[in-house]
Amino acid sequence: MIAFDFHMVLSIVGVAFVGGIIGLDRTAAGQFMVSQPIVAGPITGWILGDVTTGLVIGAVLELIWVLDVPIGTFVPADACIGAVSATAIAILGSGSTASPDVIGFSLLLTTVMVPLTMMIDVIVRKQNSGLAEYALAATGEDVSHKLALAHLSGLVVFFMKSFILYLILLPAGLAAVLLFARMPKQFHSAMALFVKLLPLLGAALVARKLSIKTLDLFLLMGFMTALVFTQFMHIPALSVSVIVILVGLLGVRLSER
């Protein structure tokens, strides 16, 4: 049973604060890829004492969102909020180490969150666009001051967006876990199976987004090279890795021509 006591409230606020800081890495500051699910999930798990759950959730969501990287003007769905929220909900909702069925249910909840987070992201970005007009309207010595203020204000707005979202989504998710605990055993088994099948979905999405022809070509070249040199010629694995890389580079040059 989940107890919404002082410790729970403190954990939610702590995750919201850390999640807000990590979320700045998406586009607002740094872009060191700390906000990617494979990093944000384990960090959240470490804070709550269950790194394994964070790694599982982060790895699954990373597979699904791996090619949606915030490069240039493209702004993908906020996978960071999904990873942090799912990890926190799974761990806090379990009371200790999260079970596969709770992990699956928490991941399912993130799919419901995506449209909401994207809509709020658009609203915040429109709001921040007004800061540029504020800075451009300055004259004389006020330009540098207003420009710095606009940048700092933008960071605060992005942080508050994520922070407030976590304060709303985490309690709502934990309440949903309470309802999930009362559901039939078959539903729990389905959620546990859902976790096991998600990596296959992620791999399929990666293959779909990449050039299938190129992907098949290089996978086949790498597989056949490794097979021949390790199984038939008994060459050490390190040497085989170097050979496979060289074969891949040769394949790239041939495909360019």
C-alpha atoms as a PDB file:
ATOM      1  CA  MET A   1       0.000   0.000   0.000  1.00  0.00           C
ATOM      2  CA  ILE A   2       1.348   3.410  -0.972  1.00  0.00           C
ATOM      3  CA  ALA A   3       1.482   5.851   1.936  1.00  0.00           C
ATOM      4  CA  PHE A   4       1.411   9.524   0.973  1.00  0.00           C
ATOM      5  CA  ASP A   5       3.386  10.510   4.057  1.00  0.00           C
ATOM      6  CA  PHE A   6       6.099  13.133   4.524  1.00  0.00           C
ATOM      7  CA  HIS A   7       8.775  10.819   3.116  1.00  0.00           C
ATOM      8  CA  MET A   8       6.706  10.196  -0.018  1.00  0.00           C
ATOM      9  CA  VAL A   9       6.057  13.916  -0.521  1.00  0.00           C
ATOM     10  CA  LEU A  10       9.760  14.643  -0.031  1.00  0.00           C
ATOM     11  CA  SER A  11      10.682  11.965  -2.586  1.00  0.00           C
ATOM     12  CA  ILE A  12       8.232  13.387  -5.136  1.00  0.00           C
ATOM     13  CA  VAL A  13       9.535  16.931  -4.672  1.00  0.00           C
ATOM     14  CA  GLY A  14      13.138  15.691  -4.856  1.00  0.00           C
ATOM     15  CA  VAL A  15      12.518  13.783  -8.078  1.00  0.00           C
ATOM     16  CA  ALA A  16      10.669  16.788  -9.512  1.00  0.00           C
ATOM     17  CA  PHE A  17      13.598  19.083  -8.714  1.00  0.00           C
ATOM     18  CA  VAL A  18      16.259  16.746 -10.114  1.00  0.00           C
ATOM     19  CA  GLY A  19      14.066  15.949 -13.125  1.00  0.00           C
ATOM     20  CA  GLY A  20      13.651  19.666 -13.797  1.00  0.00           C
ATOM     21  CA  ILE A  21      17.439  20.148 -13.761  1.00  0.00           C
ATOM     22  CA  ILE A  22      18.013  17.146 -16.032  1.00  0.00           C
ATOM     23  CA  GLY A  23      15.278  18.351 -18.387  1.00  0.00           C
ATOM     24  CA  LEU A  24      17.198  21.570 -19.081  1.00  0.00           C
ATOM     25  CA  ASP A  25      19.727  19.442 -20.962  1.00  0.00           C
ATOM     26  CA  ARG A  26      17.187  18.643 -23.694  1.00  0.00           C
ATOM     27  CA  THR A  27      17.418  21.979 -25.516  1.00  0.00           C
ATOM     28  CA  ALA A  28      17.687  24.801 -22.972  1.00  0.00           C
ATOM     29  CA  ALA A  29      21.222  24.287 -21.660  1.00  0.00           C
ATOM     30  CA  GLY A  30      24.159  22.023 -22.353  1.00  0.00           C
ATOM     31  CA  GLN A  31      22.687  19.286 -24.509  1.00  0.00           C
ATOM     32  CA  PHE A  32      25.154  16.788 -23.064  1.00  0.00           C
ATOM     33  CA  MET A  33      22.507  14.060 -23.586  1.00  0.00           C
ATOM     34  CA  VAL A  34      22.074  13.582 -19.817  1.00  0.00           C
ATOM     35  CA  SER A  35      18.365  14.006 -20.494  1.00  0.00           C
ATOM     36  CA  GLN A  36      18.285  10.873 -22.658  1.00  0.00           C
ATOM     37  CA  PRO A  37      16.213   8.072 -21.033  1.00  0.00           C
ATOM     38  CA  ILE A  38      19.196   5.704 -20.760  1.00  0.00           C
ATOM     39  CA  VAL A  39      20.858   8.279 -18.444  1.00  0.00           C
ATOM     40  CA  ALA A  40      17.874   9.997 -16.808  1.00  0.00           C
ATOM     41  CA  GLY A  41      16.245   6.684 -15.808  1.00  0.00           C
ATOM     42  CA  PRO A  42      19.219   5.267 -13.864  1.00  0.00           C
ATOM     43  CA  ILE A  43      19.879   8.654 -12.207  1.00  0.00           C
ATOM     44  CA  THR A  44      16.293   8.680 -10.928  1.00  0.00           C
ATOM     45  CA  GLY A  45      16.622   5.060  -9.839  1.00  0.00           C
ATOM     46  CA  TRP A  46      19.843   5.845  -7.984  1.00  0.00           C
ATOM     47  CA  ILE A  47      18.167   8.708  -6.123  1.00  0.00           C
ATOM     48  CA  LEU A  48      15.312   6.412  -5.064  1.00  0.00           C
ATOM     49  CA  GLY A  49      17.540   3.416  -4.293  1.00  0.00           C
ATOM     50  CA  ASP A  50      16.727   1.163  -7.264  1.00  0.00           C
ATOM     51  CA  VAL A  51      19.152   1.702 -10.149  1.00  0.00           C
ATOM     52  CA  THR A  52      18.086  -1.538 -11.868  1.00  0.00           C
ATOM     53  CA  THR A  53      14.526  -0.339 -12.418  1.00  0.00           C
ATOM     54  CA  GLY A  54      15.800   2.963 -13.768  1.00  0.00           C
ATOM     55  CA  LEU A  55      18.155   1.147 -16.136  1.00  0.00           C
ATOM     56  CA  VAL A  56      15.406  -1.162 -17.432  1.00  0.00           C
ATOM     57  CA  ILE A  57      12.961   1.687 -18.035  1.00  0.00           C
ATOM     58  CA  GLY A  58      15.650   3.970 -19.444  1.00  0.00           C
ATOM     59  CA  ALA A  59      16.946   1.312 -21.842  1.00  0.00           C
ATOM     60  CA  VAL A  60      13.466   0.473 -23.130  1.00  0.00           C
ATOM     61  CA  LEU A  61      12.490   4.105 -23.700  1.00  0.00           C
ATOM     62  CA  GLU A  62      15.888   4.864 -25.235  1.00  0.00           C
ATOM     63  CA  LEU A  63      15.280   2.165 -27.845  1.00  0.00           C
ATOM     64  CA  ILE A  64      11.923   3.704 -28.696  1.00  0.00           C
ATOM     65  CA  TRP A  65      13.132   7.338 -28.813  1.00  0.00           C
ATOM     66  CA  VAL A  66      16.788   6.805 -29.754  1.00  0.00           C
ATOM     67  CA  LEU A  67      16.543   8.443 -33.198  1.00  0.00           C
ATOM     68  CA  ASP A  68      14.404  11.381 -32.029  1.00  0.00           C
ATOM     69  CA  VAL A  69      17.323  13.554 -30.937  1.00  0.00           C
ATOM     70  CA  PRO A  70      16.905  17.337 -30.375  1.00  0.00           C
ATOM     71  CA  ILE A  71      19.216  18.458 -33.179  1.00  0.00           C
ATOM     72  CA  GLY A  72      18.758  21.836 -34.863  1.00  0.00           C
ATOM     73  CA  THR A  73      15.162  23.032 -34.810  1.00  0.00           C
ATOM     74  CA  PHE A  74      13.667  19.547 -34.329  1.00  0.00           C
ATOM     75  CA  VAL A  75      12.092  19.129 -30.882  1.00  0.00           C
ATOM     76  CA  PRO A  76      11.079  15.520 -30.145  1.00  0.00           C
ATOM     77  CA  ALA A  77       8.664  14.264 -27.529  1.00  0.00           C
ATOM     78  CA  ASP A  78       9.927  14.749 -23.971  1.00  0.00           C
ATOM     79  CA  ALA A  79      11.316  11.261 -23.360  1.00  0.00           C
ATOM     80  CA  CYS A  80      13.141  12.604 -20.297  1.00  0.00           C
ATOM     81  CA  ILE A  81       9.893  13.280 -18.442  1.00  0.00           C
ATOM     82  CA  GLY A  82       8.658   9.849 -19.506  1.00  0.00           C
ATOM     83  CA  ALA A  83      11.769   8.068 -18.203  1.00  0.00           C
ATOM     84  CA  VAL A  84      11.978   9.970 -14.918  1.00  0.00           C
ATOM     85  CA  SER A  85       8.237   9.697 -14.259  1.00  0.00           C
ATOM     86  CA  ALA A  86       8.005   5.994 -15.120  1.00  0.00           C
ATOM     87  CA  THR A  87      11.021   5.167 -12.953  1.00  0.00           C
ATOM     88  CA  ALA A  88       9.775   7.177  -9.972  1.00  0.00           C
ATOM     89  CA  ILE A  89       6.231   5.814 -10.243  1.00  0.00           C
ATOM     90  CA  ALA A  90       7.465   2.213 -10.502  1.00  0.00           C
ATOM     91  CA  ILE A  91       9.815   2.484  -7.504  1.00  0.00           C
ATOM     92  CA  LEU A  92       7.647   4.616  -5.232  1.00  0.00           C
ATOM     93  CA  GLY A  93       4.576   2.628  -6.216  1.00  0.00           C
ATOM     94  CA  SER A  94       6.268  -0.656  -5.271  1.00  0.00           C
ATOM     95  CA  GLY A  95       7.625   0.549  -1.957  1.00  0.00           C
ATOM     96  CA  SER A  96      10.954  -1.162  -2.660  1.00  0.00           C
ATOM     97  CA  THR A  97      12.342  -2.929  -5.731  1.00  0.00           C
ATOM     98  CA  ALA A  98       9.821  -2.573  -8.539  1.00  0.00           C
ATOM     99  CA  SER A  99       8.307  -5.741  -9.978  1.00  0.00           C
ATOM    100  CA  PRO A 100       8.044  -6.324 -13.762  1.00  0.00           C
ATOM    101  CA  ASP A 101       4.272  -5.814 -13.816  1.00  0.00           C
ATOM    102  CA  VAL A 102       4.513  -2.425 -12.069  1.00  0.00           C
ATOM    103  CA  ILE A 103       7.349  -1.440 -14.413  1.00  0.00           C
ATOM    104  CA  GLY A 104       5.172  -2.370 -17.387  1.00  0.00           C
ATOM    105  CA  PHE A 105       2.234  -0.398 -16.046  1.00  0.00           C
ATOM    106  CA  SER A 106       4.436   2.627 -15.357  1.00  0.00           C
ATOM    107  CA  LEU A 107       5.793   2.492 -18.912  1.00  0.00           C
ATOM    108  CA  LEU A 108       2.244   2.299 -20.222  1.00  0.00           C
ATOM    109  CA  LEU A 109       1.411   5.468 -18.313  1.00  0.00           C
ATOM    110  CA  THR A 110       4.204   7.328 -20.092  1.00  0.00           C
ATOM    111  CA  THR A 111       2.426   6.805 -23.411  1.00  0.00           C
ATOM    112  CA  VAL A 112      -0.536   8.697 -21.958  1.00  0.00           C
ATOM    113  CA  MET A 113       1.784  11.501 -20.800  1.00  0.00           C
ATOM    114  CA  VAL A 114       3.419  12.135 -24.199  1.00  0.00           C
ATOM    115  CA  PRO A 115       0.623  14.207 -25.834  1.00  0.00           C
ATOM    116  CA  LEU A 116       0.249  16.306 -22.672  1.00  0.00           C
ATOM    117  CA  THR A 117       3.992  16.996 -22.330  1.00  0.00           C
ATOM    118  CA  MET A 118       4.293  17.864 -26.039  1.00  0.00           C
ATOM    119  CA  MET A 119       1.364  20.288 -25.844  1.00  0.00           C
ATOM    120  CA  ILE A 120       2.819  22.031 -22.785  1.00  0.00           C
ATOM    121  CA  ASP A 121       6.251  22.094 -24.435  1.00  0.00           C
ATOM    122  CA  VAL A 122       4.782  23.994 -27.403  1.00  0.00           C
ATOM    123  CA  ILE A 123       3.066  26.492 -25.074  1.00  0.00           C
ATOM    124  CA  VAL A 124       6.284  27.115 -23.138  1.00  0.00           C
ATOM    125  CA  ARG A 125       8.314  27.622 -26.306  1.00  0.00           C
ATOM    126  CA  LYS A 126       5.800  30.163 -27.578  1.00  0.00           C
ATOM    127  CA  GLN A 127       6.007  31.924 -24.237  1.00  0.00           C
ATOM    128  CA  ASN A 128       9.801  31.980 -24.403  1.00  0.00           C
ATOM    129  CA  SER A 129       9.755  33.432 -27.910  1.00  0.00           C
ATOM    130  CA  GLY A 130       8.465  36.658 -26.346  1.00  0.00           C
ATOM    131  CA  LEU A 131      11.705  36.929 -24.360  1.00  0.00           C
ATOM    132  CA  ALA A 132      13.628  37.512 -27.602  1.00  0.00           C
ATOM    133  CA  GLU A 133      11.359  40.439 -28.433  1.00  0.00           C
ATOM    134  CA  TYR A 134      11.926  41.780 -24.925  1.00  0.00           C
ATOM    135  CA  ALA A 135      15.716  41.693 -25.400  1.00  0.00           C
ATOM    136  CA  LEU A 136      15.572  43.179 -28.917  1.00  0.00           C
ATOM    137  CA  ALA A 137      13.496  46.101 -27.669  1.00  0.00           C
ATOM    138  CA  ALA A 138      16.343  47.231 -25.393  1.00  0.00           C
ATOM    139  CA  THR A 139      18.617  50.103 -26.365  1.00  0.00           C
ATOM    140  CA  GLY A 140      22.032  51.347 -25.288  1.00  0.00           C
ATOM    141  CA  GLU A 141      23.525  49.833 -22.144  1.00  0.00           C
ATOM    142  CA  ASP A 142      20.349  47.908 -21.364  1.00  0.00           C
ATOM    143  CA  VAL A 143      20.919  45.449 -24.242  1.00  0.00           C
ATOM    144  CA  SER A 144      23.412  43.161 -22.489  1.00  0.00           C
ATOM    145  CA  HIS A 145      21.454  43.278 -19.236  1.00  0.00           C
ATOM    146  CA  LYS A 146      18.133  42.420 -20.871  1.00  0.00           C
ATOM    147  CA  LEU A 147      19.738  39.738 -23.040  1.00  0.00           C
ATOM    148  CA  ALA A 148      21.203  38.010 -19.983  1.00  0.00           C
ATOM    149  CA  LEU A 149      17.886  38.354 -18.148  1.00  0.00           C
ATOM    150  CA  ALA A 150      16.023  36.857 -21.120  1.00  0.00           C
ATOM    151  CA  HIS A 151      18.359  33.831 -21.184  1.00  0.00           C
ATOM    152  CA  LEU A 152      18.049  33.231 -17.451  1.00  0.00           C
ATOM    153  CA  SER A 153      14.272  33.695 -17.579  1.00  0.00           C
ATOM    154  CA  GLY A 154      14.064  31.114 -20.355  1.00  0.00           C
ATOM    155  CA  LEU A 155      15.957  28.568 -18.233  1.00  0.00           C
ATOM    156  CA  VAL A 156      13.676  29.221 -15.270  1.00  0.00           C
ATOM    157  CA  VAL A 157      10.561  28.793 -17.410  1.00  0.00           C
ATOM    158  CA  PHE A 158      11.808  25.471 -18.823  1.00  0.00           C
ATOM    159  CA  PHE A 159      12.738  24.260 -15.338  1.00  0.00           C
ATOM    160  CA  MET A 160       9.383  25.236 -13.859  1.00  0.00           C
ATOM    161  CA  LYS A 161       7.558  23.536 -16.721  1.00  0.00           C
ATOM    162  CA  SER A 162       9.187  20.186 -15.916  1.00  0.00           C
ATOM    163  CA  PHE A 163       9.072  20.715 -12.136  1.00  0.00           C
ATOM    164  CA  ILE A 164       5.333  21.441 -12.088  1.00  0.00           C
ATOM    165  CA  LEU A 165       4.598  18.607 -14.511  1.00  0.00           C
ATOM    166  CA  TYR A 166       6.370  16.145 -12.210  1.00  0.00           C
ATOM    167  CA  LEU A 167       4.434  17.432  -9.203  1.00  0.00           C
ATOM    168  CA  ILE A 168       1.230  16.661 -11.109  1.00  0.00           C
ATOM    169  CA  LEU A 169       2.184  13.468 -12.963  1.00  0.00           C
ATOM    170  CA  LEU A 170       3.903  11.600 -10.121  1.00  0.00           C
ATOM    171  CA  PRO A 171       0.995  11.704  -7.610  1.00  0.00           C
ATOM    172  CA  ALA A 172      -1.441  10.912 -10.443  1.00  0.00           C
ATOM    173  CA  GLY A 173       0.717   7.962 -11.508  1.00  0.00           C
ATOM    174  CA  LEU A 174       0.981   6.664  -7.948  1.00  0.00           C
ATOM    175  CA  ALA A 175      -2.805   6.874  -7.586  1.00  0.00           C
ATOM    176  CA  ALA A 176      -3.077   4.861 -10.808  1.00  0.00           C
ATOM    177  CA  VAL A 177      -0.717   2.237  -9.338  1.00  0.00           C
ATOM    178  CA  LEU A 178      -3.095   1.882  -6.382  1.00  0.00           C
ATOM    179  CA  LEU A 179      -5.899   1.050  -8.818  1.00  0.00           C
ATOM    180  CA  PHE A 180      -3.576  -1.257 -10.746  1.00  0.00           C
ATOM    181  CA  ALA A 181      -2.863  -3.260  -7.573  1.00  0.00           C
ATOM    182  CA  ARG A 182      -6.571  -4.158  -7.364  1.00  0.00           C
ATOM    183  CA  MET A 183      -6.812  -5.402 -10.925  1.00  0.00           C
ATOM    184  CA  PRO A 184      -7.030  -9.129 -11.787  1.00  0.00           C
ATOM    185  CA  LYS A 185      -3.907 -11.279 -11.822  1.00  0.00           C
ATOM    186  CA  GLN A 186      -4.161 -11.705 -15.598  1.00  0.00           C
ATOM    187  CA  PHE A 187      -3.682  -7.974 -16.081  1.00  0.00           C
ATOM    188  CA  HIS A 188      -0.523  -8.053 -13.978  1.00  0.00           C
ATOM    189  CA  SER A 189       0.807 -10.963 -16.032  1.00  0.00           C
ATOM    190  CA  ALA A 190       0.060  -9.023 -19.216  1.00  0.00           C
ATOM    191  CA  MET A 191       2.021  -6.015 -17.940  1.00  0.00           C
ATOM    192  CA  ALA A 192       4.999  -8.235 -17.061  1.00  0.00           C
ATOM    193  CA  LEU A 193       4.916  -9.666 -20.595  1.00  0.00           C
ATOM    194  CA  PHE A 194       4.582  -6.134 -21.963  1.00  0.00           C
ATOM    195  CA  VAL A 195       7.977  -5.244 -20.457  1.00  0.00           C
ATOM    196  CA  LYS A 196       9.625  -8.230 -22.119  1.00  0.00           C
ATOM    197  CA  LEU A 197       8.195  -7.398 -25.537  1.00  0.00           C
ATOM    198  CA  LEU A 198       8.972  -3.658 -25.482  1.00  0.00           C
ATOM    199  CA  PRO A 199      12.670  -4.098 -26.437  1.00  0.00           C
ATOM    200  CA  LEU A 200      11.508  -5.905 -29.588  1.00  0.00           C
ATOM    201  CA  LEU A 201       9.250  -2.955 -30.375  1.00  0.00           C
ATOM    202  CA  GLY A 202      12.139  -0.562 -29.827  1.00  0.00           C
ATOM    203  CA  ALA A 203      14.438  -2.564 -32.106  1.00  0.00           C
ATOM    204  CA  ALA A 204      11.720  -2.655 -34.759  1.00  0.00           C
ATOM    205  CA  LEU A 205      11.278   1.120 -34.568  1.00  0.00           C
ATOM    206  CA  VAL A 206      15.021   1.662 -34.966  1.00  0.00           C
ATOM    207  CA  ALA A 207      15.105  -0.634 -37.990  1.00  0.00           C
ATOM    208  CA  ARG A 208      12.073   1.115 -39.451  1.00  0.00           C
ATOM    209  CA  LYS A 209      13.570   4.592 -39.070  1.00  0.00           C
ATOM    210  CA  LEU A 210      16.941   3.650 -40.515  1.00  0.00           C
ATOM    211  CA  SER A 211      17.560   2.822 -44.142  1.00  0.00           C
ATOM    212  CA  ILE A 212      16.524  -0.821 -44.217  1.00  0.00           C
ATOM    213  CA  LYS A 213      18.598  -1.566 -47.319  1.00  0.00           C
ATOM    214  CA  THR A 214      21.755  -0.092 -45.766  1.00  0.00           C
ATOM    215  CA  LEU A 215      21.007  -1.665 -42.397  1.00  0.00           C
ATOM    216  CA  ASP A 216      20.609  -5.128 -43.908  1.00  0.00           C
ATOM    217  CA  LEU A 217      23.783  -4.752 -45.947  1.00  0.00           C
ATOM    218  CA  PHE A 218      26.040  -3.796 -43.055  1.00  0.00           C
ATOM    219  CA  LEU A 219      24.447  -6.227 -40.608  1.00  0.00           C
ATOM    220  CA  LEU A 220      24.992  -9.044 -43.093  1.00  0.00           C
ATOM    221  CA  MET A 221      28.591  -7.987 -43.829  1.00  0.00           C
ATOM    222  CA  GLY A 222      29.432  -7.722 -40.139  1.00  0.00           C
ATOM    223  CA  PHE A 223      27.767 -11.005 -39.235  1.00  0.00           C
ATOM    224  CA  MET A 224      29.392 -12.976 -42.030  1.00  0.00           C
ATOM    225  CA  THR A 225      32.836 -11.479 -41.352  1.00  0.00           C
ATOM    226  CA  ALA A 226      32.631 -12.267 -37.633  1.00  0.00           C
ATOM    227  CA  LEU A 227      31.325 -15.776 -38.346  1.00  0.00           C
ATOM    228  CA  VAL A 228      34.089 -16.679 -40.800  1.00  0.00           C
ATOM    229  CA  PHE A 229      36.997 -15.314 -38.770  1.00  0.00           C
ATOM    230  CA  THR A 230      35.892 -16.587 -35.347  1.00  0.00           C
ATOM    231  CA  GLN A 231      34.367 -19.972 -36.195  1.00  0.00           C
ATOM    232  CA  PHE A 232      36.484 -21.116 -39.112  1.00  0.00           C
ATOM    233  CA  MET A 233      39.781 -19.246 -38.755  1.00  0.00           C
ATOM    234  CA  HIS A 234      39.761 -18.986 -34.928  1.00  0.00           C
ATOM    235  CA  ILE A 235      41.062 -15.408 -34.880  1.00  0.00           C
ATOM    236  CA  PRO A 236      40.847 -13.604 -31.472  1.00  0.00           C
ATOM    237  CA  ALA A 237      37.719 -11.522 -30.867  1.00  0.00           C
ATOM    238  CA  LEU A 238      39.617  -8.218 -30.653  1.00  0.00           C
ATOM    239  CA  SER A 239      41.220  -8.787 -34.048  1.00  0.00           C
ATOM    240  CA  VAL A 240      37.847  -9.748 -35.491  1.00  0.00           C
ATOM    241  CA  SER A 241      36.351  -6.482 -34.169  1.00  0.00           C
ATOM    242  CA  VAL A 242      39.043  -4.491 -35.974  1.00  0.00           C
ATOM    243  CA  ILE A 243      38.437  -6.450 -39.178  1.00  0.00           C
ATOM    244  CA  VAL A 244      34.681  -5.922 -38.969  1.00  0.00           C
ATOM    245  CA  ILE A 245      35.207  -2.163 -38.543  1.00  0.00           C
ATOM    246  CA  LEU A 246      37.492  -2.106 -41.586  1.00  0.00           C
ATOM    247  CA  VAL A 247      34.944  -4.074 -43.615  1.00  0.00           C
ATOM    248  CA  GLY A 248      32.256  -1.620 -42.523  1.00  0.00           C
ATOM    249  CA  LEU A 249      34.351   1.355 -43.587  1.00  0.00           C
ATOM    250  CA  LEU A 250      34.968  -0.328 -46.931  1.00  0.00           C
ATOM    251  CA  GLY A 251      31.233  -0.872 -47.302  1.00  0.00           C
ATOM    252  CA  VAL A 252      30.588   2.821 -46.603  1.00  0.00           C
ATOM    253  CA  ARG A 253      33.095   3.852 -49.291  1.00  0.00           C
ATOM    254  CA  LEU A 254      31.532   1.469 -51.787  1.00  0.00           C
ATOM    255  CA  SER A 255      28.016   2.692 -51.018  1.00  0.00           C
ATOM    256  CA  GLU A 256      29.150   6.327 -51.478  1.00  0.00           C
ATOM    257  CA  ARG A 257      30.471   5.483 -54.935  1.00  0.00           C
END
